Amino acid sequence: MGALDEGHFNGELENGVKLINLEVCDEEEVEATAAIEGAVKVLLQGLGEDVNREGLKKTPLRVAKALREGTKGYRQKAKDIVQSALFPEAGLDSGVGYAGGTGGLVIVRDIDLFSYCESCLLPFQVKCHVGYIPSGQRVVGLSKLSRVAEVFARRLQEPRRLAEEICSALDSGIKPAGVAVVLQCWHIQFPEADRNCFSQIHHPSEMNMQGWSKVSVRFGLGLFANEGSEAWGDFLALLKFRGVNVEKNHTKYPTSHHWCPFRSLDAPSCNGHASTHIPLNGRTPSRTGPSQPAMVAAVAMILNSLGEDPSRKEFVSTPRHFVQWLTKFRRPNMDMKLNGFDFDQFKPRLQKNMNDVDNSILDQGELQSELNIPFWSLCEHHLLPFHGVIHIGYFQAKGAEPVERSRLQSIAHFHGWKLQVQERLSRQIMETVAMIFGEDVMVVVEASHTCMVSRGIEKVGTSTATIATMGRFSTDPTAKAMFLQTVSDCTASGG
């Protein structure tokens, strides 16, 4: 549990130290968690899921814990963090030079953070750079700069306000000659609002940020109030050491309409073009209407339990946006047709009799592969998105009809656009592809999971890989090694 508000203290003293009424704190935490759990159950039922099935039984609790952890900044005070680590070093106004010698500027770069978008409740990633110029006899412990940034990141946010709040808190607590913040933020791009977010991924190393909206913002006070000041010149020069290039005369911060892709759903068109796209998963777009008031009300309950007012103007559309995202992963109540995909047409024309065929790989068909097929899915454990690329290997028998890559992409979309876990996704894609090519199939899935960042794990940049094999790939190490080498060669070449 994070730092506590003053109302949580019972006023009793022991050895001069105030005691915390843990019973009250626990009661509030339990009440808020229970409210979110109930709301999540409503959302799962709205998706057509059985909340009692294995894999979903603990999802409401996991989601509640993740959201409470991800918004713990509401229960923390930046002022307490700063005042606990002020040190009497010479600053700008001391008459004996800047802190640390000449120059005075102190910055902490590359602080990895995450926050939840106030417009859609989806996490966005942040690279934060904080700097200040000390004054008087007040410098702050360097770690406190990142801790203050995290306090405000762990709230429902948008980039400009996040930068302003970090600056204002440090300015108030340290009282420096100047303070500045530069943020680089990435927001998940809504896949169905931009079909190109899939085609842009050409290489597994690109999957972390392709398909994400990016914006850079900067904000400063004191000596940094003027964007053309010498202080900003020094700050930006030190960022360039790390490959971060934020020009002095950068364009003004974009409106939230442009920052959050879900804002475009409020408008009749996107980028000047009417939104008449066909969904990637072959389903009719879900409009939040009279049939979904319970889901919208559930999200409003979540906002309230996190400490926000759902009626505040910034959050009026948030429940609807989140439900629009979530219903894209509605459990399909239909047979798998995959946009008219006819499996019988693509089954090998010549059925192999394994007892009569030599075990040599060349005699049993040629190894084929389709690499870097992009996908999106939703983790059923935390209701957070994960995405990445899929590699499929198979042996094409003589006389078999070739299958277009788009058909394999349809398979990835069908199995991805629902509540999933990566291990099951790998197996389901493998089994479906086996219906086309026979039993000799291997699937490798590489993915980045939002839940690895946004629920307290904070492992920015990590990725997960899984393997599923059938037939020859399960019994012949040479066949498996051949396909893995093909994937490795593609990864190394960037192809």
Protein backbone atom coordinates (compact mmCIF):
# COMPACT_ATOMS: atom_id res chain seq x y z
CA MET A 1 0.00 0.00 0.00
CA GLY A 2 1.28 3.48 -0.87
CA ALA A 3 1.75 6.52 1.34
CA LEU A 4 -1.36 7.43 3.29
CA ASP A 5 -3.43 10.60 3.52
CA GLU A 6 -3.58 12.45 6.84
CA GLY A 7 -7.09 11.14 7.52
CA HIS A 8 -5.69 7.65 7.94
CA PHE A 9 -3.80 8.51 11.15
CA ASN A 10 -5.54 7.89 14.47
CA GLY A 11 -3.50 10.51 16.33
CA GLU A 12 -2.01 8.14 18.94
CA LEU A 13 1.66 8.45 19.72
CA GLU A 14 4.23 5.83 20.51
CA ASN A 15 7.81 7.03 21.10
CA GLY A 16 6.89 10.26 19.37
CA VAL A 17 5.67 8.51 16.19
CA LYS A 18 2.08 8.61 14.97
CA LEU A 19 0.44 5.23 14.61
CA ILE A 20 -1.52 4.25 11.50
CA ASN A 21 -5.01 2.89 11.86
CA LEU A 22 -4.48 -0.12 9.63
CA GLU A 23 -7.99 -1.38 10.29
CA VAL A 24 -9.49 1.73 8.68
CA CYS A 25 -7.07 1.57 5.75
CA ASP A 26 -7.75 -2.12 5.17
CA GLU A 27 -11.49 -1.52 5.32
CA GLU A 28 -11.30 1.16 2.62
CA GLU A 29 -9.06 -0.99 0.46
CA VAL A 30 -11.32 -4.03 0.79
CA GLU A 31 -14.41 -1.97 -0.02
CA ALA A 32 -12.86 -0.40 -3.13
CA THR A 33 -11.48 -3.74 -4.32
CA ALA A 34 -14.82 -5.46 -3.87
CA ALA A 35 -16.62 -2.75 -5.84
CA ILE A 36 -14.19 -3.13 -8.77
CA GLU A 37 -14.52 -6.93 -8.65
CA GLY A 38 -18.28 -6.65 -8.99
CA ALA A 39 -17.93 -4.26 -11.91
CA VAL A 40 -15.46 -6.56 -13.68
CA LYS A 41 -17.90 -9.47 -13.39
CA VAL A 42 -20.52 -7.36 -15.16
CA LEU A 43 -18.01 -6.61 -17.95
CA LEU A 44 -17.10 -10.28 -18.36
CA GLN A 45 -20.75 -11.26 -18.55
CA GLY A 46 -21.28 -8.54 -21.13
CA LEU A 47 -18.60 -10.24 -23.23
CA GLY A 48 -20.54 -13.50 -23.09
CA GLU A 49 -18.04 -15.13 -20.74
CA ASP A 50 -18.71 -17.50 -17.85
CA VAL A 51 -17.21 -15.79 -14.81
CA ASN A 52 -16.98 -19.16 -13.06
CA ARG A 53 -14.96 -20.93 -15.72
CA GLU A 54 -11.38 -21.90 -14.97
CA GLY A 55 -9.09 -19.06 -15.91
CA LEU A 56 -11.65 -16.36 -15.15
CA LYS A 57 -12.56 -17.18 -11.55
CA LYS A 58 -9.88 -14.88 -10.14
CA THR A 59 -9.86 -12.36 -13.00
CA PRO A 60 -12.09 -9.81 -11.20
CA LEU A 61 -9.75 -9.80 -8.20
CA ARG A 62 -6.65 -9.64 -10.40
CA VAL A 63 -8.07 -6.72 -12.38
CA ALA A 64 -9.07 -4.91 -9.17
CA LYS A 65 -5.58 -5.31 -7.70
CA ALA A 66 -3.94 -4.17 -10.95
CA LEU A 67 -6.11 -1.05 -11.17
CA ARG A 68 -5.60 -0.15 -7.52
CA GLU A 69 -1.85 -0.64 -7.88
CA GLY A 70 -1.81 1.31 -11.14
CA THR A 71 -3.61 4.29 -9.56
CA LYS A 72 -1.98 4.29 -6.13
CA GLY A 73 -0.78 7.83 -6.81
CA TYR A 74 -4.17 9.06 -5.63
CA ARG A 75 -3.22 7.79 -2.18
CA GLN A 76 0.26 9.32 -2.14
CA LYS A 77 1.56 12.84 -1.50
CA ALA A 78 4.46 14.19 -3.52
CA LYS A 79 5.11 16.83 -0.87
CA ASP A 80 5.94 14.20 1.73
CA ILE A 81 8.40 12.52 -0.65
CA VAL A 82 10.29 15.74 -1.42
CA GLN A 83 10.46 17.08 2.12
CA SER A 84 11.92 13.82 3.39
CA ALA A 85 15.05 14.25 1.27
CA LEU A 86 16.07 17.93 1.14
CA PHE A 87 19.76 18.58 1.75
CA PRO A 88 21.63 21.87 2.49
CA GLU A 89 23.84 22.16 -0.58
CA ALA A 90 24.71 25.53 -2.15
CA GLY A 91 22.32 26.65 -4.86
CA LEU A 92 21.97 29.53 -7.31
CA ASP A 93 21.09 32.19 -4.73
CA SER A 94 23.74 31.28 -2.15
CA GLY A 95 26.45 33.55 -3.55
CA VAL A 96 28.99 30.73 -3.63
CA GLY A 97 28.10 29.05 -6.90
CA TYR A 98 25.63 26.46 -8.06
CA ALA A 99 25.10 23.13 -6.35
CA GLY A 100 27.71 20.67 -7.47
CA GLY A 101 29.95 23.41 -8.81
CA THR A 102 29.37 25.50 -11.93
CA GLY A 103 26.40 25.02 -14.23
CA GLY A 104 23.90 23.95 -11.63
CA LEU A 105 21.55 21.90 -13.77
CA VAL A 106 20.69 18.46 -12.38
CA ILE A 107 18.66 16.02 -14.45
CA VAL A 108 17.53 12.41 -14.17
CA ARG A 109 16.93 10.82 -17.56
CA ASP A 110 15.13 7.76 -18.90
CA ILE A 111 12.69 7.18 -16.04
CA ASP A 112 10.40 4.38 -17.24
CA LEU A 113 6.82 4.93 -16.11
CA PHE A 114 3.32 3.94 -17.11
CA SER A 115 0.00 5.60 -16.60
CA TYR A 116 -3.67 4.98 -17.40
CA CYS A 117 -5.25 7.15 -20.10
CA GLU A 118 -8.14 9.14 -18.68
CA SER A 119 -10.03 8.86 -21.99
CA CYS A 120 -10.09 5.07 -22.34
CA LEU A 121 -8.57 3.48 -19.20
CA LEU A 122 -5.87 1.73 -21.23
CA PRO A 123 -2.27 1.99 -20.02
CA PHE A 124 0.26 4.13 -21.84
CA GLN A 125 4.03 4.01 -21.50
CA VAL A 126 6.14 7.00 -20.50
CA LYS A 127 9.83 7.83 -20.75
CA CYS A 128 10.34 10.72 -18.34
CA HIS A 129 13.26 13.16 -18.08
CA VAL A 130 13.28 15.55 -15.09
CA GLY A 131 15.67 18.39 -14.34
CA TYR A 132 15.99 21.35 -12.00
CA ILE A 133 18.39 24.14 -11.07
CA PRO A 134 18.85 24.33 -7.27
CA SER A 135 18.56 27.62 -5.40
CA GLY A 136 19.47 28.66 -1.89
CA GLN A 137 20.46 25.73 0.31
CA ARG A 138 17.98 23.19 -1.11
CA VAL A 139 18.82 20.15 -3.21
CA VAL A 140 16.79 16.96 -3.25
CA GLY A 141 17.86 13.32 -3.32
CA LEU A 142 18.00 12.19 -6.95
CA SER A 143 15.75 9.20 -6.40
CA LYS A 144 12.98 11.53 -5.24
CA LEU A 145 12.70 13.04 -8.71
CA SER A 146 11.64 9.69 -10.14
CA ARG A 147 9.40 8.96 -7.15
CA VAL A 148 7.53 12.24 -7.54
CA ALA A 149 7.09 11.52 -11.26
CA GLU A 150 5.68 8.10 -10.41
CA VAL A 151 3.15 9.55 -7.94
CA PHE A 152 1.46 11.53 -10.70
CA ALA A 153 1.91 8.84 -13.33
CA ARG A 154 0.00 6.42 -11.09
CA ARG A 155 -3.23 8.33 -11.68
CA LEU A 156 -5.60 8.60 -14.63
CA GLN A 157 -3.72 11.01 -16.86
CA GLU A 158 -2.99 12.66 -20.16
CA PRO A 159 0.57 13.70 -21.06
CA ARG A 160 0.35 17.48 -20.81
CA ARG A 161 -1.23 17.47 -17.36
CA LEU A 162 1.19 14.80 -16.20
CA ALA A 163 4.16 17.01 -17.12
CA GLU A 164 2.58 20.05 -15.46
CA GLU A 165 1.79 18.21 -12.23
CA ILE A 166 5.30 16.79 -11.90
CA CYS A 167 6.78 20.26 -12.48
CA SER A 168 4.45 22.01 -10.07
CA ALA A 169 5.06 19.48 -7.28
CA LEU A 170 8.86 19.78 -7.58
CA ASP A 171 8.68 23.57 -7.84
CA SER A 172 6.60 23.73 -4.68
CA GLY A 173 8.67 21.22 -2.74
CA ILE A 174 12.24 22.12 -3.73
CA LYS A 175 11.73 25.82 -4.53
CA PRO A 176 14.38 25.70 -7.26
CA ALA A 177 15.48 28.40 -9.66
CA GLY A 178 13.84 26.38 -12.39
CA VAL A 179 12.38 22.94 -13.04
CA ALA A 180 11.58 21.14 -16.30
CA VAL A 181 10.04 17.88 -17.47
CA VAL A 182 10.19 16.18 -20.86
CA LEU A 183 7.90 13.22 -21.50
CA GLN A 184 7.87 10.74 -24.36
CA CYS A 185 4.56 8.88 -24.29
CA TRP A 186 3.21 5.93 -26.25
CA HIS A 187 -0.50 5.08 -26.35
CA ILE A 188 -1.84 1.86 -27.85
CA GLN A 189 -3.27 2.65 -31.26
CA PHE A 190 -6.81 1.32 -31.64
CA PRO A 191 -6.24 -1.48 -34.23
CA GLU A 192 -9.62 -1.28 -35.94
CA ALA A 193 -9.31 2.47 -36.25
CA ASP A 194 -6.03 2.08 -38.13
CA ARG A 195 -5.64 -1.07 -40.19
CA ASN A 196 -2.09 -0.04 -41.08
CA CYS A 197 -0.91 -0.61 -37.51
CA PHE A 198 -0.63 -4.31 -38.42
CA SER A 199 1.11 -3.92 -41.75
CA GLN A 200 3.75 -1.66 -40.19
CA ILE A 201 5.26 -4.50 -38.17
CA HIS A 202 8.03 -6.13 -40.17
CA HIS A 203 10.27 -7.47 -37.47
CA PRO A 204 9.83 -8.83 -33.92
CA SER A 205 12.04 -6.09 -32.48
CA GLU A 206 9.52 -3.52 -33.74
CA MET A 207 6.50 -4.98 -31.99
CA ASN A 208 6.93 -2.99 -28.77
CA MET A 209 6.10 0.41 -30.27
CA GLN A 210 4.60 -0.21 -33.71
CA GLY A 211 0.89 0.42 -33.64
CA TRP A 212 1.27 2.96 -30.81
CA SER A 213 0.56 6.68 -30.93
CA LYS A 214 3.55 8.71 -29.79
CA VAL A 215 3.74 12.24 -28.43
CA SER A 216 6.52 14.23 -26.77
CA VAL A 217 5.71 17.06 -24.37
CA ARG A 218 7.80 19.46 -22.31
CA PHE A 219 6.94 21.85 -19.54
CA GLY A 220 9.02 24.18 -17.43
CA LEU A 221 8.81 26.73 -14.63
CA GLY A 222 11.18 29.42 -13.38
CA LEU A 223 14.26 29.63 -15.59
CA PHE A 224 12.59 27.09 -17.88
CA ALA A 225 9.42 29.14 -18.40
CA ASN A 226 10.90 30.54 -21.63
CA GLU A 227 11.30 27.72 -24.16
CA GLY A 228 14.20 29.55 -25.80
CA SER A 229 16.15 29.97 -22.58
CA GLU A 230 19.74 28.88 -21.98
CA ALA A 231 18.46 26.51 -19.31
CA TRP A 232 16.37 24.64 -21.88
CA GLY A 233 19.35 24.55 -24.23
CA ASP A 234 21.44 22.81 -21.57
CA PHE A 235 18.62 20.41 -20.69
CA LEU A 236 18.00 19.36 -24.30
CA ALA A 237 21.73 19.02 -24.96
CA LEU A 238 22.03 16.54 -22.10
CA LEU A 239 19.08 14.58 -23.48
CA LYS A 240 20.82 14.30 -26.84
CA PHE A 241 23.56 12.35 -25.09
CA ARG A 242 20.91 9.62 -24.72
CA GLY A 243 19.64 9.94 -28.29
CA VAL A 244 16.58 11.99 -27.28
CA ASN A 245 16.06 14.89 -29.69
CA VAL A 246 13.36 17.36 -28.67
CA GLU A 247 13.67 20.52 -30.73
CA LYS A 248 13.38 23.91 -29.03
CA ASN A 249 10.71 25.09 -31.45
CA HIS A 250 8.64 21.94 -31.27
CA THR A 251 5.00 22.01 -32.27
CA LYS A 252 2.44 22.71 -29.60
CA TYR A 253 1.09 19.81 -27.63
CA PRO A 254 -1.69 18.05 -29.58
CA THR A 255 -5.21 17.99 -28.26
CA SER A 256 -6.50 14.93 -26.46
CA HIS A 257 -8.50 14.19 -29.61
CA HIS A 258 -5.23 13.41 -31.35
CA TRP A 259 -3.50 11.84 -28.36
CA CYS A 260 -6.00 9.11 -27.49
CA PRO A 261 -7.08 7.12 -30.57
CA PHE A 262 -10.42 6.42 -28.91
CA ARG A 263 -11.31 10.08 -29.12
CA SER A 264 -11.69 9.62 -32.87
CA LEU A 265 -14.62 7.31 -32.20
CA ASP A 266 -16.57 10.35 -31.00
CA ALA A 267 -16.21 11.99 -34.40
CA PRO A 268 -17.96 11.06 -37.67
CA SER A 269 -14.65 10.78 -39.48
CA CYS A 270 -10.98 10.10 -38.81
CA ASN A 271 -8.22 12.15 -40.46
CA GLY A 272 -10.77 13.61 -42.82
CA HIS A 273 -12.08 10.23 -43.99
CA ALA A 274 -15.32 8.59 -43.02
CA SER A 275 -14.92 5.65 -40.65
CA THR A 276 -16.34 2.92 -42.90
CA HIS A 277 -13.61 0.36 -42.30
CA ILE A 278 -14.26 -3.36 -42.09
CA PRO A 279 -13.21 -4.85 -38.73
CA LEU A 280 -10.07 -6.94 -38.84
CA ASN A 281 -11.77 -9.78 -36.99
CA GLY A 282 -14.69 -9.89 -39.37
CA ARG A 283 -17.22 -8.76 -36.78
CA THR A 284 -19.65 -5.89 -36.90
CA PRO A 285 -18.38 -2.88 -34.93
CA SER A 286 -19.91 -2.73 -31.49
CA ARG A 287 -21.68 0.53 -30.73
CA THR A 288 -22.25 1.31 -27.12
CA GLY A 289 -26.02 1.69 -27.07
CA PRO A 290 -29.04 0.72 -25.02
CA SER A 291 -27.94 -2.92 -24.93
CA GLN A 292 -24.80 -2.08 -22.92
CA PRO A 293 -25.83 0.33 -20.15
CA ALA A 294 -24.80 -2.18 -17.47
CA MET A 295 -21.24 -2.34 -18.84
CA VAL A 296 -20.97 1.45 -19.06
CA ALA A 297 -22.29 1.79 -15.50
CA ALA A 298 -19.76 -0.82 -14.35
CA VAL A 299 -16.86 1.21 -15.75
CA ALA A 300 -18.23 4.33 -14.06
CA MET A 301 -18.22 2.35 -10.81
CA ILE A 302 -14.57 1.47 -11.40
CA LEU A 303 -13.68 5.14 -11.90
CA ASN A 304 -15.42 6.03 -8.66
CA SER A 305 -13.61 3.24 -6.79
CA LEU A 306 -10.26 4.52 -8.08
CA GLY A 307 -10.95 7.94 -6.59
CA GLU A 308 -12.22 9.85 -9.62
CA ASP A 309 -15.56 11.51 -10.32
CA PRO A 310 -17.16 9.86 -13.40
CA SER A 311 -19.21 13.02 -14.01
CA ARG A 312 -16.13 15.22 -14.40
CA LYS A 313 -15.82 16.40 -18.00
CA GLU A 314 -12.57 14.53 -18.62
CA PHE A 315 -14.28 11.24 -17.74
CA VAL A 316 -17.75 11.63 -19.23
CA SER A 317 -16.86 9.54 -22.31
CA THR A 318 -14.33 7.23 -20.63
CA PRO A 319 -16.77 4.40 -19.73
CA ARG A 320 -18.10 4.32 -23.29
CA HIS A 321 -14.60 4.31 -24.79
CA PHE A 322 -13.48 1.45 -22.57
CA VAL A 323 -16.58 -0.61 -23.38
CA GLN A 324 -16.01 0.03 -27.10
CA TRP A 325 -12.51 -1.41 -26.72
CA LEU A 326 -13.59 -4.34 -24.60
CA THR A 327 -16.49 -5.45 -26.79
CA LYS A 328 -14.09 -5.99 -29.69
CA PHE A 329 -13.05 -9.08 -27.75
CA ARG A 330 -16.57 -10.40 -27.26
CA ARG A 331 -16.76 -14.20 -27.19
CA PRO A 332 -18.05 -15.26 -30.64
CA ASN A 333 -21.26 -17.25 -30.69
CA MET A 334 -20.69 -18.78 -34.09
CA ASP A 335 -18.86 -21.55 -35.87
CA MET A 336 -15.41 -20.67 -37.04
CA LYS A 337 -15.80 -19.48 -40.63
CA LEU A 338 -12.90 -17.03 -40.61
CA ASN A 339 -14.37 -14.66 -43.16
CA GLY A 340 -15.50 -17.43 -45.47
CA PHE A 341 -12.35 -19.50 -45.14
CA ASP A 342 -13.02 -22.96 -46.61
CA PHE A 343 -10.74 -25.47 -44.91
CA ASP A 344 -11.70 -28.39 -47.14
CA GLN A 345 -10.56 -26.48 -50.22
CA PHE A 346 -7.08 -26.06 -48.80
CA LYS A 347 -6.49 -29.50 -47.32
CA PRO A 348 -3.69 -31.35 -49.06
CA ARG A 349 -5.00 -33.08 -52.15
CA LEU A 350 -2.66 -35.98 -51.61
CA GLN A 351 -3.18 -37.55 -48.17
CA LYS A 352 0.06 -38.91 -46.77
CA ASN A 353 0.26 -42.45 -45.54
CA MET A 354 2.95 -42.06 -42.88
CA ASN A 355 3.64 -45.78 -42.77
CA ASP A 356 4.68 -45.82 -46.40
CA VAL A 357 6.79 -42.66 -46.51
CA ASP A 358 10.49 -42.44 -45.80
CA ASN A 359 11.42 -40.45 -42.70
CA SER A 360 13.70 -38.08 -44.57
CA ILE A 361 12.51 -34.48 -44.47
CA LEU A 362 13.04 -33.93 -48.18
CA ASP A 363 10.93 -36.94 -49.06
CA GLN A 364 8.08 -35.78 -46.86
CA GLY A 365 7.66 -32.32 -48.34
CA GLU A 366 9.35 -28.96 -48.33
CA LEU A 367 9.55 -26.80 -45.22
CA GLN A 368 7.46 -23.66 -45.64
CA SER A 369 7.14 -20.71 -43.31
CA GLU A 370 5.12 -17.55 -42.83
CA LEU A 371 6.87 -15.15 -40.45
CA ASN A 372 5.98 -12.00 -38.54
CA ILE A 373 2.21 -12.25 -38.79
CA PRO A 374 1.02 -9.50 -36.40
CA PHE A 375 -1.76 -10.01 -33.88
CA TRP A 376 -3.57 -8.35 -30.96
CA SER A 377 -5.31 -10.02 -28.05
CA LEU A 378 -6.64 -9.40 -24.54
CA CYS A 379 -5.20 -11.15 -21.48
CA GLU A 380 -8.03 -12.95 -19.72
CA HIS A 381 -6.22 -12.72 -16.40
CA HIS A 382 -6.04 -8.91 -16.24
CA LEU A 383 -8.17 -7.62 -19.17
CA LEU A 384 -5.08 -5.87 -20.53
CA PRO A 385 -3.97 -6.03 -24.18
CA PHE A 386 -1.02 -7.97 -25.50
CA HIS A 387 0.28 -8.01 -29.05
CA GLY A 388 3.14 -9.23 -31.15
CA VAL A 389 3.98 -11.49 -34.08
CA ILE A 390 3.34 -15.11 -35.04
CA HIS A 391 5.66 -17.42 -36.99
CA ILE A 392 4.15 -20.51 -38.64
CA GLY A 393 6.12 -23.43 -40.07
CA TYR A 394 4.71 -26.42 -41.95
CA PHE A 395 5.63 -29.03 -44.52
CA GLN A 396 3.79 -28.60 -47.78
CA ALA A 397 2.94 -31.91 -49.35
CA LYS A 398 3.23 -32.45 -53.08
CA GLY A 399 0.09 -31.35 -54.83
CA ALA A 400 -1.14 -29.23 -51.95
CA GLU A 401 -2.76 -25.91 -52.74
CA PRO A 402 -0.71 -22.92 -51.56
CA VAL A 403 -2.36 -20.77 -48.92
CA GLU A 404 -2.22 -17.01 -49.03
CA ARG A 405 -0.70 -15.18 -46.09
CA SER A 406 -3.97 -13.30 -45.63
CA ARG A 407 -5.67 -16.59 -44.72
CA LEU A 408 -3.16 -17.25 -41.97
CA GLN A 409 -3.65 -13.67 -40.83
CA SER A 410 -7.39 -14.39 -40.57
CA ILE A 411 -6.65 -17.34 -38.32
CA ALA A 412 -4.47 -15.16 -36.10
CA HIS A 413 -7.21 -12.52 -35.92
CA PHE A 414 -9.92 -15.00 -35.08
CA HIS A 415 -8.06 -16.58 -32.19
CA GLY A 416 -6.56 -13.29 -31.02
CA TRP A 417 -9.69 -11.19 -30.82
CA LYS A 418 -11.07 -12.72 -27.64
CA LEU A 419 -9.96 -13.20 -24.04
CA GLN A 420 -6.80 -15.25 -24.30
CA VAL A 421 -3.57 -16.46 -22.76
CA GLN A 422 -0.51 -16.70 -24.99
CA GLU A 423 -0.02 -20.43 -24.41
CA ARG A 424 -3.57 -21.23 -25.52
CA LEU A 425 -3.33 -18.83 -28.46
CA SER A 426 -0.23 -20.66 -29.72
CA ARG A 427 -1.94 -24.05 -29.48
CA GLN A 428 -5.20 -22.92 -31.10
CA ILE A 429 -3.42 -21.37 -34.08
CA MET A 430 -1.34 -24.53 -34.48
CA GLU A 431 -4.41 -26.78 -34.41
CA THR A 432 -6.28 -24.61 -36.90
CA VAL A 433 -3.35 -24.47 -39.32
CA ALA A 434 -3.06 -28.25 -39.02
CA MET A 435 -6.55 -28.51 -40.48
CA ILE A 436 -5.09 -27.04 -43.67
CA PHE A 437 -1.64 -28.59 -43.97
CA GLY A 438 -1.93 -31.77 -41.98
CA GLU A 439 -0.34 -32.58 -38.67
CA ASP A 440 3.20 -31.26 -39.31
CA VAL A 441 2.88 -27.73 -37.93
CA MET A 442 4.92 -25.50 -35.64
CA VAL A 443 3.91 -22.11 -34.27
CA VAL A 444 6.05 -19.57 -32.43
CA VAL A 445 4.34 -16.57 -30.82
CA GLU A 446 6.30 -13.53 -29.63
CA ALA A 447 4.37 -10.95 -27.65
CA SER A 448 4.61 -7.89 -25.43
CA HIS A 449 2.19 -7.91 -22.49
CA THR A 450 0.85 -4.69 -21.06
CA CYS A 451 0.30 -6.45 -17.75
CA MET A 452 4.08 -6.87 -17.42
CA VAL A 453 4.33 -3.09 -17.10
CA SER A 454 1.11 -1.69 -15.71
CA ARG A 455 0.29 -3.77 -12.64
CA GLY A 456 3.39 -3.23 -10.57
CA ILE A 457 5.76 -5.65 -12.34
CA GLU A 458 7.30 -2.71 -14.24
CA LYS A 459 9.34 -4.80 -16.63
CA VAL A 460 9.39 -2.32 -19.50
CA GLY A 461 10.60 -3.76 -22.81
CA THR A 462 10.18 -7.43 -21.90
CA SER A 463 8.64 -9.89 -24.33
CA THR A 464 7.36 -13.45 -24.14
CA ALA A 465 7.86 -16.30 -26.60
CA THR A 466 5.94 -19.59 -26.78
CA ILE A 467 6.22 -22.67 -29.00
CA ALA A 468 3.54 -25.14 -30.05
CA THR A 469 4.37 -28.21 -32.19
CA MET A 470 2.57 -31.09 -33.87
CA GLY A 471 3.59 -34.09 -35.91
CA ARG A 472 7.10 -34.12 -37.24
CA PHE A 473 8.09 -30.96 -35.38
CA SER A 474 7.35 -32.79 -32.13
CA THR A 475 9.36 -35.90 -32.96
CA ASP A 476 12.14 -34.73 -35.28
CA PRO A 477 14.64 -32.29 -33.68
CA THR A 478 16.09 -31.53 -37.10
CA ALA A 479 12.76 -30.30 -38.44
CA LYS A 480 12.24 -28.10 -35.39
CA ALA A 481 15.78 -26.72 -35.61
CA MET A 482 15.33 -25.91 -39.31
CA PHE A 483 12.28 -23.78 -38.64
CA LEU A 484 13.76 -22.04 -35.59
CA GLN A 485 16.83 -21.21 -37.68
CA THR A 486 14.59 -19.71 -40.35
CA VAL A 487 12.99 -17.45 -37.73
CA SER A 488 16.39 -16.58 -36.30
CA ASP A 489 17.79 -15.67 -39.73
CA CYS A 490 14.80 -13.41 -40.35
CA THR A 491 15.23 -11.75 -36.96
CA ALA A 492 18.94 -11.19 -37.51
CA SER A 493 18.43 -9.70 -40.97
CA GLY A 494 15.49 -7.55 -40.00
CA GLY A 495 13.44 -9.13 -42.78
